[in-house]
């Protein structure tokens, strides 16, 4: 949503100002096959990278990685857990 876009715009400024290098870690929930979730998590990370490079972040500063369903943020099989597990985490490297 719009608040996510504002956060990414702020983040883009920080990355450019501070010369940060980030790993964009894409994650998926447990539904679907492991292979599908791996592709999904890769796409998720790549879309955040594309958004940040569109905002002027250097391509080389961002490394997208997909972890599929293997690193859930929240255990469980509820809608809330699934929603929490569909995410991209940004880790300074």
Protein backbone atom coordinates (compact mmCIF):
# COMPACT_ATOMS: atom_id res chain seq x y z
CA UNK A 1 0.00 0.00 0.00
CA UNK A 2 0.90 3.69 0.02
CA UNK A 3 2.55 3.52 3.46
CA UNK A 4 4.83 0.78 2.14
CA UNK A 5 5.76 2.97 -0.82
CA UNK A 6 6.53 5.92 1.47
CA UNK A 7 8.72 3.66 3.62
CA UNK A 8 10.59 2.42 0.53
CA UNK A 9 11.10 5.99 -0.73
CA UNK A 10 12.56 6.95 2.66
CA UNK A 11 14.69 3.82 2.63
CA UNK A 12 15.94 4.59 -0.90
CA UNK A 13 17.14 8.01 0.33
CA UNK A 14 18.96 6.39 3.28
CA UNK A 15 20.64 3.80 1.06
CA UNK A 16 21.84 6.52 -1.34
CA UNK A 17 22.98 8.88 1.44
CA UNK A 18 24.80 6.26 3.51
CA UNK A 19 26.06 4.00 0.74
CA UNK A 20 24.36 0.99 2.35
CA UNK A 21 24.42 -2.42 0.74
CA UNK A 22 21.33 -4.50 1.45
CA UNK A 23 20.26 -8.08 0.99
CA UNK A 24 16.58 -8.26 0.09
CA UNK A 25 15.37 -11.53 1.59
CA UNK A 26 12.13 -12.73 0.03
CA UNK A 27 9.89 -15.15 1.90
CA UNK A 28 6.67 -17.03 1.17
CA UNK A 29 4.09 -18.75 3.34
CA UNK A 30 3.89 -22.53 3.58
CA UNK A 31 1.09 -23.02 1.06
CA UNK A 32 2.09 -24.31 -2.37
CA UNK A 33 5.06 -26.50 -3.26
CA UNK A 34 8.53 -25.67 -2.03
CA UNK A 35 9.69 -25.02 -5.60
CA UNK A 36 6.79 -22.65 -6.28
CA UNK A 37 7.42 -20.80 -3.02
CA UNK A 38 11.10 -20.44 -3.84
CA UNK A 39 10.23 -18.81 -7.18
CA UNK A 40 7.59 -16.65 -5.50
CA UNK A 41 10.02 -15.44 -2.83
CA UNK A 42 12.63 -14.67 -5.50
CA UNK A 43 10.05 -12.61 -7.43
CA UNK A 44 9.05 -10.81 -4.25
CA UNK A 45 12.65 -9.80 -3.52
CA UNK A 46 13.23 -8.83 -7.17
CA UNK A 47 10.16 -6.58 -7.22
CA UNK A 48 11.39 -4.66 -4.17
CA UNK A 49 14.80 -4.34 -5.85
CA UNK A 50 13.15 -3.02 -9.02
CA UNK A 51 11.16 -0.48 -6.99
CA UNK A 52 14.28 0.76 -5.18
CA UNK A 53 16.38 0.97 -8.36
CA UNK A 54 13.54 2.96 -9.97
CA UNK A 55 14.01 5.39 -7.05
CA UNK A 56 17.68 5.75 -7.99
CA UNK A 57 19.38 3.16 -5.77
CA UNK A 58 22.43 1.61 -7.44
CA UNK A 59 21.78 -1.87 -8.79
CA UNK A 60 24.91 -3.23 -7.10
CA UNK A 61 23.76 -2.09 -3.65
CA UNK A 62 20.89 -4.59 -3.62
CA UNK A 63 21.13 -8.36 -3.59
CA UNK A 64 17.77 -10.15 -3.89
CA UNK A 65 17.59 -13.65 -2.36
CA UNK A 66 14.60 -15.97 -2.10
CA UNK A 67 14.18 -18.31 0.87
CA UNK A 68 10.80 -19.74 -0.07
CA UNK A 69 8.90 -21.09 2.93
CA UNK A 70 12.02 -22.12 4.85
CA UNK A 71 12.32 -19.19 7.26
CA UNK A 72 8.84 -18.33 8.56
CA UNK A 73 8.61 -15.21 10.71
CA UNK A 74 5.68 -16.71 12.57
CA UNK A 75 4.93 -20.40 13.14
CA UNK A 76 1.44 -21.71 12.47
CA UNK A 77 -1.05 -22.16 9.66
CA UNK A 78 -3.49 -19.32 10.31
CA UNK A 79 -4.25 -16.45 7.92
CA UNK A 80 -2.34 -14.14 10.28
CA UNK A 81 0.75 -16.38 10.23
CA UNK A 82 0.60 -16.71 6.44
CA UNK A 83 0.27 -12.94 6.03
CA UNK A 84 3.28 -12.36 8.32
CA UNK A 85 5.34 -14.90 6.40
CA UNK A 86 4.75 -13.34 2.98
CA UNK A 87 7.39 -10.67 3.20
CA UNK A 88 10.71 -9.21 2.15
CA UNK A 89 13.24 -8.47 4.88
CA UNK A 90 16.01 -5.94 4.29
CA UNK A 91 19.31 -6.88 5.87
CA UNK A 92 22.43 -4.72 5.80
CA UNK A 93 25.40 -6.63 4.42
